[in-house]
Amino acid sequence: MDRRHRPRVTAKVMLYALLDVAGTLIVASGLMWLARRQTLFIPDFPTSTATAILTVATGVALMLWSVAGILRELSRQRPADEVDR
């Protein structure tokens, strides 16, 4: 890849990356409750198996959405002549 066409890390990409990290922490929190019945960061959250499962599902959804946003932003930066190759 030529240096001229290397994707730039914009503020939007960084925001999506931070949301991806948040999603990872949310998943970890739910999985910690499911595995050990212990909270990870926030005391008394999650409080039941149902909320832990919902927490894991929400975290996975946030991670997928943020990665899709990163890919969408980076693909917009590609020059038109590279898209046709």
N, C-alpha and C. Protein backbone atom coordinates (compact mmCIF):
# COMPACT_ATOMS: atom_id res chain seq x y z
N MET A 1 0.85 -1.18 0.00
CA MET A 1 0.00 0.00 0.00
C MET A 1 0.89 1.24 0.00
N ASP A 2 0.58 2.16 -0.83
CA ASP A 2 1.32 3.41 -0.96
C ASP A 2 1.02 4.31 0.24
N ARG A 3 2.02 5.04 0.72
CA ARG A 3 1.85 5.92 1.88
C ARG A 3 0.80 6.99 1.64
N ARG A 4 0.65 7.42 0.40
CA ARG A 4 -0.32 8.47 0.09
C ARG A 4 -1.74 8.01 0.35
N HIS A 5 -1.99 6.72 0.25
CA HIS A 5 -3.35 6.20 0.36
C HIS A 5 -3.62 5.50 1.69
N ARG A 6 -2.72 5.71 2.64
CA ARG A 6 -2.95 5.11 3.94
C ARG A 6 -4.12 5.80 4.63
N PRO A 7 -5.05 5.04 5.22
CA PRO A 7 -6.22 5.68 5.85
C PRO A 7 -5.81 6.55 7.04
N ARG A 8 -6.53 7.65 7.18
CA ARG A 8 -6.29 8.56 8.31
C ARG A 8 -7.22 8.18 9.46
N VAL A 9 -6.69 8.32 10.66
CA VAL A 9 -7.51 8.09 11.84
C VAL A 9 -8.16 9.42 12.18
N THR A 10 -9.46 9.49 11.95
CA THR A 10 -10.20 10.73 12.20
C THR A 10 -10.86 10.66 13.58
N ALA A 11 -11.47 11.76 13.97
CA ALA A 11 -12.17 11.81 15.25
C ALA A 11 -13.32 10.80 15.27
N LYS A 12 -13.99 10.63 14.14
CA LYS A 12 -15.10 9.68 14.07
C LYS A 12 -14.60 8.24 14.26
N VAL A 13 -13.48 7.93 13.66
CA VAL A 13 -12.90 6.59 13.81
C VAL A 13 -12.51 6.35 15.27
N MET A 14 -11.93 7.36 15.90
CA MET A 14 -11.55 7.24 17.31
C MET A 14 -12.78 7.06 18.19
N LEU A 15 -13.86 7.77 17.89
CA LEU A 15 -15.09 7.61 18.67
C LEU A 15 -15.63 6.19 18.54
N TYR A 16 -15.64 5.67 17.33
CA TYR A 16 -16.09 4.29 17.13
C TYR A 16 -15.18 3.31 17.88
N ALA A 17 -13.88 3.57 17.89
CA ALA A 17 -12.94 2.70 18.60
C ALA A 17 -13.22 2.73 20.11
N LEU A 18 -13.51 3.90 20.64
CA LEU A 18 -13.84 4.00 22.07
C LEU A 18 -15.15 3.27 22.39
N LEU A 19 -16.11 3.35 21.48
CA LEU A 19 -17.36 2.61 21.67
C LEU A 19 -17.12 1.11 21.61
N ASP A 20 -16.17 0.68 20.78
CA ASP A 20 -15.82 -0.73 20.71
C ASP A 20 -15.22 -1.20 22.04
N VAL A 21 -14.36 -0.38 22.62
CA VAL A 21 -13.78 -0.71 23.92
C VAL A 21 -14.88 -0.77 24.99
N ALA A 22 -15.81 0.16 24.95
CA ALA A 22 -16.93 0.14 25.90
C ALA A 22 -17.75 -1.14 25.73
N GLY A 23 -17.99 -1.55 24.49
CA GLY A 23 -18.72 -2.79 24.24
C GLY A 23 -17.98 -4.00 24.80
N THR A 24 -16.66 -4.00 24.67
CA THR A 24 -15.86 -5.09 25.22
C THR A 24 -15.97 -5.15 26.74
N LEU A 25 -15.94 -4.00 27.38
CA LEU A 25 -16.08 -3.96 28.83
C LEU A 25 -17.48 -4.38 29.28
N ILE A 26 -18.48 -4.03 28.51
CA ILE A 26 -19.85 -4.43 28.83
C ILE A 26 -19.99 -5.95 28.71
N VAL A 27 -19.43 -6.52 27.66
CA VAL A 27 -19.46 -7.98 27.50
C VAL A 27 -18.73 -8.64 28.66
N ALA A 28 -17.56 -8.12 29.01
CA ALA A 28 -16.78 -8.70 30.11
C ALA A 28 -17.54 -8.64 31.42
N SER A 29 -18.26 -7.56 31.63
CA SER A 29 -19.04 -7.42 32.86
C SER A 29 -20.13 -8.49 32.94
N GLY A 30 -20.84 -8.69 31.84
CA GLY A 30 -21.89 -9.71 31.82
C GLY A 30 -21.33 -11.11 31.96
N LEU A 31 -20.23 -11.38 31.28
CA LEU A 31 -19.63 -12.71 31.36
C LEU A 31 -19.07 -13.00 32.75
N MET A 32 -18.54 -11.97 33.41
CA MET A 32 -18.03 -12.16 34.77
C MET A 32 -19.16 -12.56 35.71
N TRP A 33 -20.32 -11.93 35.53
CA TRP A 33 -21.47 -12.30 36.37
C TRP A 33 -21.91 -13.74 36.07
N LEU A 34 -21.96 -14.08 34.80
CA LEU A 34 -22.40 -15.43 34.44
C LEU A 34 -21.43 -16.50 34.92
N ALA A 35 -20.15 -16.21 34.91
CA ALA A 35 -19.14 -17.19 35.29
C ALA A 35 -18.96 -17.30 36.80
N ARG A 36 -18.93 -16.15 37.50
CA ARG A 36 -18.58 -16.16 38.93
C ARG A 36 -19.59 -15.51 39.86
N ARG A 37 -20.64 -14.94 39.28
CA ARG A 37 -21.63 -14.19 40.06
C ARG A 37 -20.98 -13.00 40.79
N GLN A 38 -19.98 -12.39 40.12
CA GLN A 38 -19.29 -11.22 40.65
C GLN A 38 -19.44 -10.08 39.66
N THR A 39 -19.47 -8.87 40.20
CA THR A 39 -19.50 -7.71 39.31
C THR A 39 -18.09 -7.37 38.89
N LEU A 40 -17.96 -6.67 37.77
CA LEU A 40 -16.65 -6.33 37.26
C LEU A 40 -16.23 -4.93 37.71
N PHE A 41 -17.00 -3.90 37.36
CA PHE A 41 -16.65 -2.53 37.71
C PHE A 41 -17.71 -1.85 38.55
N ILE A 42 -18.94 -1.94 38.12
CA ILE A 42 -20.03 -1.23 38.77
C ILE A 42 -20.64 -2.14 39.84
N PRO A 43 -20.62 -1.70 41.10
CA PRO A 43 -21.22 -2.53 42.15
C PRO A 43 -22.70 -2.79 41.88
N ASP A 44 -23.11 -4.00 42.14
CA ASP A 44 -24.51 -4.43 41.97
C ASP A 44 -25.01 -4.33 40.54
N PHE A 45 -24.13 -4.50 39.55
CA PHE A 45 -24.56 -4.58 38.15
C PHE A 45 -23.67 -5.56 37.43
N PRO A 46 -24.22 -6.52 36.78
CA PRO A 46 -25.61 -6.94 36.73
C PRO A 46 -26.01 -7.63 38.03
N THR A 47 -27.30 -7.76 38.23
CA THR A 47 -27.80 -8.32 39.48
C THR A 47 -28.45 -9.69 39.32
N SER A 48 -28.65 -10.11 38.09
CA SER A 48 -29.28 -11.42 37.87
C SER A 48 -28.76 -12.02 36.57
N THR A 49 -29.10 -13.27 36.36
CA THR A 49 -28.70 -13.95 35.13
C THR A 49 -29.33 -13.28 33.91
N ALA A 50 -30.58 -12.86 34.04
CA ALA A 50 -31.26 -12.22 32.91
C ALA A 50 -30.57 -10.91 32.52
N THR A 51 -30.21 -10.10 33.50
CA THR A 51 -29.54 -8.84 33.16
C THR A 51 -28.12 -9.09 32.65
N ALA A 52 -27.48 -10.14 33.13
CA ALA A 52 -26.15 -10.47 32.62
C ALA A 52 -26.21 -10.89 31.16
N ILE A 53 -27.21 -11.69 30.81
CA ILE A 53 -27.37 -12.10 29.40
C ILE A 53 -27.69 -10.89 28.53
N LEU A 54 -28.55 -10.02 29.02
CA LEU A 54 -28.87 -8.78 28.29
C LEU A 54 -27.64 -7.89 28.14
N THR A 55 -26.81 -7.86 29.18
CA THR A 55 -25.58 -7.07 29.14
C THR A 55 -24.63 -7.61 28.07
N VAL A 56 -24.47 -8.93 28.01
CA VAL A 56 -23.60 -9.54 27.00
C VAL A 56 -24.13 -9.24 25.60
N ALA A 57 -25.43 -9.40 25.40
CA ALA A 57 -26.02 -9.15 24.08
C ALA A 57 -25.86 -7.68 23.67
N THR A 58 -26.05 -6.77 24.62
CA THR A 58 -25.88 -5.35 24.33
C THR A 58 -24.43 -5.02 23.99
N GLY A 59 -23.50 -5.60 24.72
CA GLY A 59 -22.09 -5.36 24.45
C GLY A 59 -21.66 -5.87 23.09
N VAL A 60 -22.15 -7.05 22.72
CA VAL A 60 -21.83 -7.61 21.40
C VAL A 60 -22.42 -6.73 20.30
N ALA A 61 -23.65 -6.28 20.49
CA ALA A 61 -24.27 -5.41 19.49
C ALA A 61 -23.50 -4.10 19.35
N LEU A 62 -23.07 -3.53 20.45
CA LEU A 62 -22.29 -2.28 20.40
C LEU A 62 -20.95 -2.49 19.70
N MET A 63 -20.31 -3.63 19.97
CA MET A 63 -19.04 -3.91 19.31
C MET A 63 -19.22 -4.09 17.81
N LEU A 64 -20.24 -4.83 17.39
CA LEU A 64 -20.48 -5.02 15.96
C LEU A 64 -20.80 -3.70 15.27
N TRP A 65 -21.64 -2.88 15.90
CA TRP A 65 -22.01 -1.59 15.33
C TRP A 65 -20.78 -0.67 15.21
N SER A 66 -19.94 -0.66 16.23
CA SER A 66 -18.78 0.24 16.18
C SER A 66 -17.74 -0.22 15.16
N VAL A 67 -17.54 -1.52 15.04
CA VAL A 67 -16.60 -2.02 14.03
C VAL A 67 -17.12 -1.73 12.63
N ALA A 68 -18.43 -1.88 12.44
CA ALA A 68 -19.02 -1.53 11.14
C ALA A 68 -18.82 -0.04 10.85
N GLY A 69 -18.95 0.80 11.86
CA GLY A 69 -18.72 2.23 11.68
C GLY A 69 -17.28 2.55 11.32
N ILE A 70 -16.34 1.86 11.96
CA ILE A 70 -14.92 2.05 11.63
C ILE A 70 -14.66 1.66 10.18
N LEU A 71 -15.16 0.49 9.79
CA LEU A 71 -14.95 0.03 8.41
C LEU A 71 -15.60 0.98 7.40
N ARG A 72 -16.79 1.48 7.74
CA ARG A 72 -17.49 2.40 6.84
C ARG A 72 -16.68 3.70 6.69
N GLU A 73 -16.18 4.24 7.79
CA GLU A 73 -15.40 5.48 7.72
C GLU A 73 -14.09 5.28 6.95
N LEU A 74 -13.43 4.17 7.18
CA LEU A 74 -12.16 3.93 6.47
C LEU A 74 -12.39 3.67 4.98
N SER A 75 -13.50 3.03 4.65
CA SER A 75 -13.77 2.77 3.23
C SER A 75 -14.11 4.06 2.48
N ARG A 76 -14.64 5.03 3.16
CA ARG A 76 -14.93 6.32 2.52
C ARG A 76 -13.66 7.08 2.15
N GLN A 77 -12.57 6.76 2.80
CA GLN A 77 -11.31 7.45 2.54
C GLN A 77 -10.57 6.90 1.34
N ARG A 78 -10.95 5.74 0.84
CA ARG A 78 -10.23 5.13 -0.27
C ARG A 78 -10.49 5.90 -1.55
N PRO A 79 -9.44 6.13 -2.33
CA PRO A 79 -9.64 6.80 -3.62
C PRO A 79 -10.50 5.97 -4.56
N ALA A 80 -11.19 6.60 -5.47
CA ALA A 80 -12.11 5.93 -6.38
C ALA A 80 -11.40 4.91 -7.28
N ASP A 81 -10.14 5.20 -7.67
CA ASP A 81 -9.44 4.27 -8.56
C ASP A 81 -9.08 2.96 -7.86
N GLU A 82 -8.96 2.95 -6.52
CA GLU A 82 -8.67 1.71 -5.79
C GLU A 82 -9.91 0.85 -5.63
N VAL A 83 -11.07 1.45 -5.62
CA VAL A 83 -12.31 0.71 -5.43
C VAL A 83 -12.58 -0.20 -6.63
N ASP A 84 -12.21 0.23 -7.83
CA ASP A 84 -12.47 -0.55 -9.03
C ASP A 84 -11.51 -1.71 -9.23
N ARG A 85 -10.42 -1.74 -8.53
CA ARG A 85 -9.43 -2.82 -8.72
C ARG A 85 -9.88 -4.12 -8.18
